[in-house]
N, C-alpha and C. Protein backbone atom coordinates (compact mmCIF):
# COMPACT_ATOMS: atom_id res chain seq x y z
N MET A 1 38.28 26.25 11.48
CA MET A 1 38.91 27.45 11.74
C MET A 1 38.60 28.88 10.96
N ASP A 2 39.12 28.60 9.65
CA ASP A 2 38.65 29.66 9.05
C ASP A 2 37.72 30.46 8.83
N GLY A 3 36.54 29.51 8.86
CA GLY A 3 34.70 30.34 9.30
C GLY A 3 34.77 30.79 10.56
N LEU A 4 35.11 30.55 11.48
CA LEU A 4 35.23 31.27 12.89
C LEU A 4 36.26 32.27 12.82
N LEU A 5 37.21 32.33 12.22
CA LEU A 5 38.02 33.57 11.74
C LEU A 5 37.10 34.81 10.69
N SER A 6 36.30 34.30 9.56
CA SER A 6 35.68 35.44 9.04
C SER A 6 34.52 35.84 9.69
N LEU A 7 34.00 35.05 10.69
CA LEU A 7 32.75 35.53 11.07
C LEU A 7 33.11 36.59 12.53
N LEU A 8 34.92 36.46 12.72
CA LEU A 8 35.20 37.51 13.91
C LEU A 8 35.60 38.49 12.96
N VAL A 9 36.10 38.45 11.89
CA VAL A 9 36.35 39.52 11.21
C VAL A 9 35.08 40.21 10.47
N PHE A 10 34.28 39.46 9.92
CA PHE A 10 32.64 40.53 9.65
C PHE A 10 32.20 40.81 11.14
N ALA A 11 32.29 40.35 12.49
CA ALA A 11 31.72 40.95 13.34
C ALA A 11 32.13 42.41 13.60
N PHE A 12 33.66 42.13 13.96
CA PHE A 12 34.31 43.86 13.93
C PHE A 12 34.31 44.63 12.98
N PHE A 13 33.60 44.28 11.90
CA PHE A 13 33.38 45.10 11.13
C PHE A 13 31.95 46.10 10.86
N PHE A 14 31.35 44.98 11.17
CA PHE A 14 30.15 45.41 11.78
C PHE A 14 29.58 46.22 12.61
N TYR A 15 30.47 45.46 13.85
CA TYR A 15 30.49 46.88 15.20
C TYR A 15 31.00 48.36 14.76
N LEU A 16 32.31 48.32 14.30
CA LEU A 16 32.98 49.84 13.82
C LEU A 16 31.57 50.48 12.66
N MET A 17 31.03 49.59 11.65
CA MET A 17 29.97 50.43 11.18
C MET A 17 28.77 50.84 11.89
N MET A 18 28.40 50.14 12.77
CA MET A 18 27.24 50.90 13.72
C MET A 18 27.56 51.20 14.96
N ARG A 19 28.82 51.68 15.36
CA ARG A 19 29.53 52.47 16.43
C ARG A 19 29.70 53.65 15.85
N MET A 20 30.39 53.83 14.37
CA MET A 20 31.00 55.12 13.89
C MET A 20 30.71 55.44 12.64
N GLY A 21 29.68 54.35 11.80
CA GLY A 21 29.76 54.40 10.28
C GLY A 21 28.25 55.10 10.46
N CYS A 22 27.60 54.38 9.19
CA CYS A 22 26.74 55.26 8.52
C CYS A 22 25.06 54.22 10.04
N GLY A 23 25.18 53.61 10.80
CA GLY A 23 24.09 53.60 11.77
C GLY A 23 24.36 53.91 13.44
N SER A 24 25.72 54.60 12.93
CA SER A 24 25.97 55.09 14.40
C SER A 24 24.74 56.45 14.86
N HIS A 25 24.10 57.20 13.55
CA HIS A 25 23.10 58.16 14.53
C HIS A 25 21.87 57.38 14.74
N MET A 26 21.56 55.98 14.35
CA MET A 26 20.27 55.63 14.26
C MET A 26 20.45 54.64 16.14
N ALA A 27 21.60 54.22 16.32
CA ALA A 27 21.73 53.60 17.57
C ALA A 27 21.79 54.64 18.65
N HIS A 28 22.49 55.61 18.52
CA HIS A 28 22.41 56.69 19.20
C HIS A 28 21.11 58.13 19.40
N GLY A 29 20.15 57.53 18.55
CA GLY A 29 19.41 58.19 18.79
C GLY A 29 19.22 59.85 17.82
N HIS A 30 20.58 59.51 17.55
CA HIS A 30 20.46 61.41 16.55
C HIS A 30 20.10 61.17 15.25
N ASN A 31 19.04 60.69 15.14
CA ASN A 31 18.30 60.36 13.32
C ASN A 31 17.08 61.84 13.75
N GLU A 32 16.93 62.55 14.68
CA GLU A 32 16.10 63.38 14.87
C GLU A 32 16.30 64.69 13.49
N GLY A 33 17.74 65.03 13.16
CA GLY A 33 17.93 66.00 12.22
C GLY A 33 17.25 64.74 10.32
N HIS A 34 17.62 64.04 10.49
CA HIS A 34 17.22 63.29 9.26
C HIS A 34 15.47 62.82 9.27
N HIS A 35 15.08 62.40 9.81
CA HIS A 35 13.46 61.90 9.39
C HIS A 35 12.66 62.12 10.99
N GLY A 36 13.18 63.07 12.29
CA GLY A 36 12.23 63.21 13.12
C GLY A 36 11.21 64.20 12.94
N LYS A 37 11.56 65.44 13.32
CA LYS A 37 10.62 66.59 13.51
C LYS A 37 9.68 66.93 11.89
N GLU A 38 10.37 66.37 10.66
CA GLU A 38 10.13 66.54 9.89
C GLU A 38 8.58 65.38 9.60
N ASP A 39 8.98 65.30 9.99
CA ASP A 39 7.90 63.47 9.67
C ASP A 39 6.33 63.28 10.87
N ASN A 40 6.89 64.35 11.78
CA ASN A 40 5.77 64.45 12.62
C ASN A 40 4.55 65.89 12.13
N VAL A 41 4.94 66.78 10.95
CA VAL A 41 4.14 67.66 10.46
C VAL A 41 3.15 67.54 9.30
N ASN A 42 2.11 67.95 9.53
CA ASN A 42 1.13 67.47 8.42
C ASN A 42 1.35 67.99 7.51
N HIS A 43 2.00 67.81 6.07
CA HIS A 43 1.76 68.57 4.84
C HIS A 43 0.76 68.79 4.46
N VAL A 44 0.94 69.74 3.70
CA VAL A 44 0.08 70.75 2.87
C VAL A 44 -0.46 70.14 1.25
N ASP A 45 -1.30 69.50 1.14
CA ASP A 45 -1.86 69.44 -0.66
C ASP A 45 -1.52 70.69 -1.76
N PRO A 46 -0.41 71.22 -2.29
CA PRO A 46 -0.55 71.82 -3.25
C PRO A 46 -1.22 72.15 -4.33
N VAL A 47 -2.34 70.88 -4.41
CA VAL A 47 -3.03 71.11 -5.55
C VAL A 47 -4.24 71.73 -4.98
N CYS A 48 -5.09 70.47 -3.92
CA CYS A 48 -6.19 71.43 -3.15
C CYS A 48 -6.23 71.64 -1.95
N HIS A 49 -5.10 71.70 -1.24
CA HIS A 49 -5.05 72.76 -0.15
C HIS A 49 -5.23 72.08 0.78
N MET A 50 -5.30 70.57 0.70
CA MET A 50 -6.14 69.70 1.95
C MET A 50 -4.43 69.38 2.61
N GLU A 51 -4.80 69.13 4.39
CA GLU A 51 -3.80 68.56 5.43
C GLU A 51 -3.37 67.30 4.83
N VAL A 52 -2.54 67.23 4.63
CA VAL A 52 -2.07 65.42 4.58
C VAL A 52 -1.35 64.58 5.65
N ASN A 53 -1.50 63.75 6.18
CA ASN A 53 -0.37 63.10 7.23
C ASN A 53 0.42 62.30 6.16
N PRO A 54 1.54 62.34 6.91
CA PRO A 54 2.60 61.60 6.58
C PRO A 54 2.78 60.45 6.14
N GLU A 55 1.88 59.56 7.07
CA GLU A 55 1.58 58.27 6.34
C GLU A 55 0.63 57.74 5.47
N ASP A 56 -0.01 59.18 5.21
CA ASP A 56 -1.24 59.12 4.41
C ASP A 56 -0.92 59.36 2.76
N GLY A 57 -1.73 58.99 1.73
CA GLY A 57 -1.65 59.85 0.57
C GLY A 57 -0.43 59.50 -0.24
N TYR A 58 -0.07 60.40 -0.77
CA TYR A 58 1.15 59.76 -2.35
C TYR A 58 2.07 61.22 -1.81
N GLY A 59 3.44 61.26 -1.89
CA GLY A 59 4.69 61.63 -1.85
C GLY A 59 5.48 62.02 -3.64
N LYS A 60 5.99 63.07 -3.64
CA LYS A 60 7.01 63.66 -4.63
C LYS A 60 7.83 64.24 -4.25
N MET A 61 9.08 63.52 -4.55
CA MET A 61 10.17 64.72 -4.46
C MET A 61 10.56 65.78 -5.49
N PHE A 62 10.22 67.07 -5.43
CA PHE A 62 10.77 68.22 -6.83
C PHE A 62 11.19 69.00 -6.36
N GLY A 63 12.31 69.28 -6.82
CA GLY A 63 13.20 70.52 -6.76
C GLY A 63 13.53 70.57 -5.11
N GLY A 64 13.94 69.00 -4.84
CA GLY A 64 14.50 68.82 -3.59
C GLY A 64 13.81 69.13 -2.23
N ARG A 65 12.38 68.64 -2.47
CA ARG A 65 11.36 68.92 -1.48
C ARG A 65 10.32 67.97 -1.65
N LEU A 66 10.12 67.37 -0.80
CA LEU A 66 8.79 66.60 -0.34
C LEU A 66 7.35 67.07 -0.51
N TYR A 67 6.66 66.70 -1.43
CA TYR A 67 5.38 67.36 -1.69
C TYR A 67 4.61 66.25 -1.56
N ARG A 68 3.24 65.82 -0.37
CA ARG A 68 2.61 65.09 -0.05
C ARG A 68 1.31 65.27 -0.68
N PHE A 69 -0.11 64.68 -1.45
CA PHE A 69 -0.77 64.46 -2.10
C PHE A 69 -1.95 64.13 -0.98
N CYS A 70 -2.94 63.94 -1.33
CA CYS A 70 -4.15 63.71 -0.86
C CYS A 70 -4.57 62.49 -1.64
N SER A 71 -4.80 62.23 -2.51
CA SER A 71 -5.02 61.61 -3.81
C SER A 71 -3.86 61.16 -5.06
N ARG A 72 -4.34 60.50 -5.89
CA ARG A 72 -3.53 59.76 -7.06
C ARG A 72 -4.22 60.90 -7.74
N LYS A 73 -5.48 61.53 -7.89
CA LYS A 73 -5.96 62.60 -8.84
C LYS A 73 -4.87 64.17 -8.70
N CYS A 74 -4.79 64.08 -7.52
CA CYS A 74 -4.08 65.82 -7.32
C CYS A 74 -2.57 65.33 -7.61
N LEU A 75 -2.08 64.10 -7.66
CA LEU A 75 -0.81 64.05 -7.85
C LEU A 75 -0.14 64.35 -9.58
N ASP A 76 -1.71 63.57 -9.96
CA ASP A 76 -1.52 63.66 -11.63
C ASP A 76 -1.20 64.63 -12.40
N LYS A 77 -2.69 65.85 -11.14
CA LYS A 77 -2.46 67.39 -11.74
C LYS A 77 -1.29 67.95 -11.39
N PHE A 78 -0.36 67.78 -10.63
CA PHE A 78 0.55 68.22 -10.11
C PHE A 78 1.80 68.14 -10.80
N ASP A 79 1.95 66.61 -11.72
CA ASP A 79 2.60 66.33 -12.72
C ASP A 79 2.63 66.77 -13.78
N GLU A 80 1.14 67.24 -14.51
CA GLU A 80 1.09 67.79 -15.36
C GLU A 80 1.66 68.93 -15.61
N ASN A 81 1.85 69.94 -14.49
CA ASN A 81 2.28 71.25 -14.79
C ASN A 81 2.45 71.71 -13.19
N PRO A 82 3.43 71.00 -12.69
CA PRO A 82 3.93 71.84 -11.61
C PRO A 82 4.13 73.34 -10.96
N ASP A 83 4.74 73.76 -11.58
CA ASP A 83 4.47 75.51 -11.88
C ASP A 83 3.03 75.79 -11.31
N GLN A 84 2.16 75.94 -12.06
CA GLN A 84 0.86 76.14 -11.52
C GLN A 84 0.59 76.44 -10.35
N TYR A 85 1.38 74.93 -9.62
CA TYR A 85 0.30 75.18 -7.93
C TYR A 85 1.45 75.14 -7.27
N LEU A 86 2.90 75.71 -7.72
CA LEU A 86 3.95 75.97 -6.91
C LEU A 86 4.17 77.45 -6.92
N ASN A 87 3.58 78.57 -5.34
CA ASN A 87 4.33 79.96 -6.09
C ASN A 87 5.70 80.21 -6.20
N SER A 88 5.87 81.53 -6.18
CA SER A 88 7.17 81.61 -6.25
C SER A 88 8.72 81.25 -5.54
N LYS A 89 7.70 81.76 -4.18
CA LYS A 89 8.70 81.25 -2.50
C LYS A 89 9.06 80.11 -3.10
N GLU A 90 8.30 78.76 -3.05
CA GLU A 90 8.48 77.60 -2.71
C GLU A 90 9.37 77.10 -4.16
N LYS A 91 9.38 77.70 -5.44
CA LYS A 91 10.09 77.32 -6.76
C LYS A 91 11.19 77.61 -6.08
N THR A 92 12.05 79.09 -5.38
CA THR A 92 12.55 79.24 -5.29
C THR A 92 13.62 78.59 -4.02
N SER A 93 13.15 77.98 -2.87
CA SER A 93 13.57 77.66 -1.66
C SER A 93 13.99 76.04 -2.09
């Protein structure tokens, strides 16, 4: 009987979390602001200026922004001196 009670309590809390908590935006299709439109946009490699598909290449968070790179070589160049590849508008935003 204790096992059944524990299962029911766990199921109730799981339901609450999915309905109103951290999983609610996923279950109701409200995840557009989290990962939706931005993931469909091609990024531009700041080193070689080549377009990079969101599923391809390498990604790096820098200054609160995701940058995508076409190759490990471009990522390494960026890591050596990011300021060289970012214009002043991108550094302040």
